[in-house]
Protein backbone atom coordinates (compact mmCIF):
# COMPACT_ATOMS: atom_id res chain seq x y z
CA MET A 1 -57.34 -11.19 67.84
CA THR A 2 -58.99 -9.51 70.51
CA ALA A 3 -58.54 -5.79 71.38
CA PHE A 4 -58.53 -4.38 74.78
CA GLU A 5 -61.43 -3.18 76.00
CA LYS A 6 -61.37 -0.12 78.59
CA HIS A 7 -63.65 -0.98 80.89
CA LYS A 8 -62.50 -4.13 81.96
CA PHE A 9 -59.36 -2.53 83.25
CA LYS A 10 -58.93 -2.23 87.15
CA PHE A 11 -56.27 0.05 88.97
CA ASP A 12 -56.07 -0.08 92.85
CA GLY A 13 -52.81 2.80 92.98
CA MET A 14 -50.21 -0.12 92.42
CA TYR A 15 -51.22 -2.81 90.21
CA LEU A 16 -52.97 -2.72 86.87
CA GLU A 17 -54.98 -5.37 85.57
CA TYR A 18 -57.21 -6.67 83.22
CA ASP A 19 -59.70 -8.54 83.37
CA GLY A 20 -58.97 -9.99 86.90
CA ARG A 21 -55.00 -10.70 85.42
CA PHE A 22 -51.60 -8.50 86.24
CA ILE A 23 -50.48 -6.24 82.83
CA ALA A 24 -47.97 -4.11 85.50
CA ARG A 25 -47.44 -2.77 88.37
CA PHE A 26 -46.56 1.05 89.39
CA LYS A 27 -44.48 1.47 92.55
CA TYR A 28 -42.37 4.45 91.86
CA VAL A 29 -44.22 6.62 89.53
CA ARG A 30 -48.26 5.58 89.98
CA SER A 31 -49.31 9.13 86.98
CA ASN A 32 -47.85 6.34 84.21
CA ALA A 33 -50.39 3.85 84.72
CA SER A 34 -52.45 6.14 82.53
CA GLY A 35 -50.57 6.10 79.32
CA PHE A 36 -49.52 2.77 79.85
CA LYS A 37 -52.76 1.46 79.61
CA ASN A 38 -53.69 3.89 76.56
CA PHE A 39 -50.96 2.77 74.88
CA LEU A 40 -51.71 -0.77 75.35
CA ILE A 41 -55.21 -0.53 73.92
CA LYS A 42 -53.40 1.08 71.01
CA ASN A 43 -50.68 -1.29 70.31
CA PHE A 44 -51.55 -4.37 71.24
CA THR A 45 -53.99 -7.12 71.29
CA VAL A 46 -55.38 -9.05 74.71
CA GLU A 47 -53.34 -11.87 73.21
CA GLU A 48 -50.30 -10.38 71.78
CA TYR A 49 -49.58 -8.74 75.62
CA PHE A 50 -50.40 -12.02 78.01
CA GLU A 51 -48.38 -14.35 74.98
CA ARG A 52 -44.83 -12.32 75.78
CA ARG A 53 -46.06 -12.09 79.60
CA ASP A 54 -46.00 -15.72 79.45
CA ARG A 55 -42.91 -16.03 78.13
CA GLU A 56 -41.42 -13.65 80.93
CA GLU A 57 -40.90 -10.50 79.12
CA ALA A 58 -41.76 -7.63 81.57
CA PRO A 59 -44.39 -4.93 81.19
CA LEU A 60 -42.47 -2.57 80.31
CA ASP A 61 -40.00 -3.83 78.39
CA ILE A 62 -43.17 -5.47 75.88
CA LEU A 63 -44.62 -1.45 75.40
CA LYS A 64 -41.27 -0.19 74.83
CA SER A 65 -40.32 -2.64 71.63
CA LYS A 66 -43.23 -0.31 70.15
CA GLY A 67 -41.99 2.38 71.09
CA TYR A 68 -43.16 3.58 74.75
CA VAL A 69 -41.42 6.23 76.28
CA SER A 70 -42.85 6.54 80.06
CA ALA A 71 -44.24 10.05 80.47
CA HIS A 72 -41.90 11.93 83.11
CA ILE A 73 -39.29 10.83 80.54
CA ARG A 74 -40.65 11.85 77.55
CA LYS A 75 -40.93 15.53 79.61
CA TRP A 76 -36.78 14.98 80.42
CA LEU A 77 -36.35 14.54 76.26
CA ILE A 78 -38.50 16.89 75.23
CA GLU A 79 -36.49 19.26 78.05
CA ALA A 80 -33.31 18.08 76.81
CA GLY A 81 -34.43 18.63 72.63
CA LEU A 82 -34.07 14.66 71.99
CA PRO A 83 -36.84 13.01 70.52
CA PRO A 84 -39.56 11.51 72.70
CA THR A 85 -38.53 7.73 71.28
CA PRO A 86 -37.11 5.14 72.84
CA GLU A 87 -34.04 6.09 70.66
CA GLY A 88 -33.89 9.28 71.80
CA GLN A 89 -34.28 8.09 75.24
CA ALA A 90 -30.81 5.51 74.57
CA GLU A 91 -29.00 8.98 73.63
CA PHE A 92 -30.23 10.66 76.78
CA SER A 93 -28.40 8.02 78.77
CA ARG A 94 -25.90 7.98 76.36
CA ARG A 95 -25.39 11.87 77.69
CA GLN A 96 -25.81 11.25 81.27
CA GLN A 97 -23.05 8.72 80.95
CA GLN A 98 -21.20 10.55 79.88
CA ALA A 99 -21.31 13.44 81.92
CA ARG A 100 -20.98 11.41 84.86
CA HIS A 101 -17.55 9.97 83.96
CA ALA A 102 -16.48 13.54 82.88
CA ARG A 103 -16.56 14.55 86.34
């Protein structure tokens, strides 16, 4: 299994690539690319990530499967007193949906 190497990443402001292969697109929150890349390096091998991409899994879903939460959402969760985890994110979404229905 091959570990990701930082020097093989390229980010052009919207697309993150690794050794010429597409990793993910950051259309709206480009600042998330750094955290995404660091989480990817720490939690996945090159083969594992690209095997899942080859099966048509979305980049964010792949990282979320191992606990990734983007920086701006992590901030919201902490402010709401929730853990910065996928479970905390699910609870945050549930609370927001509940608040919308209460109006």
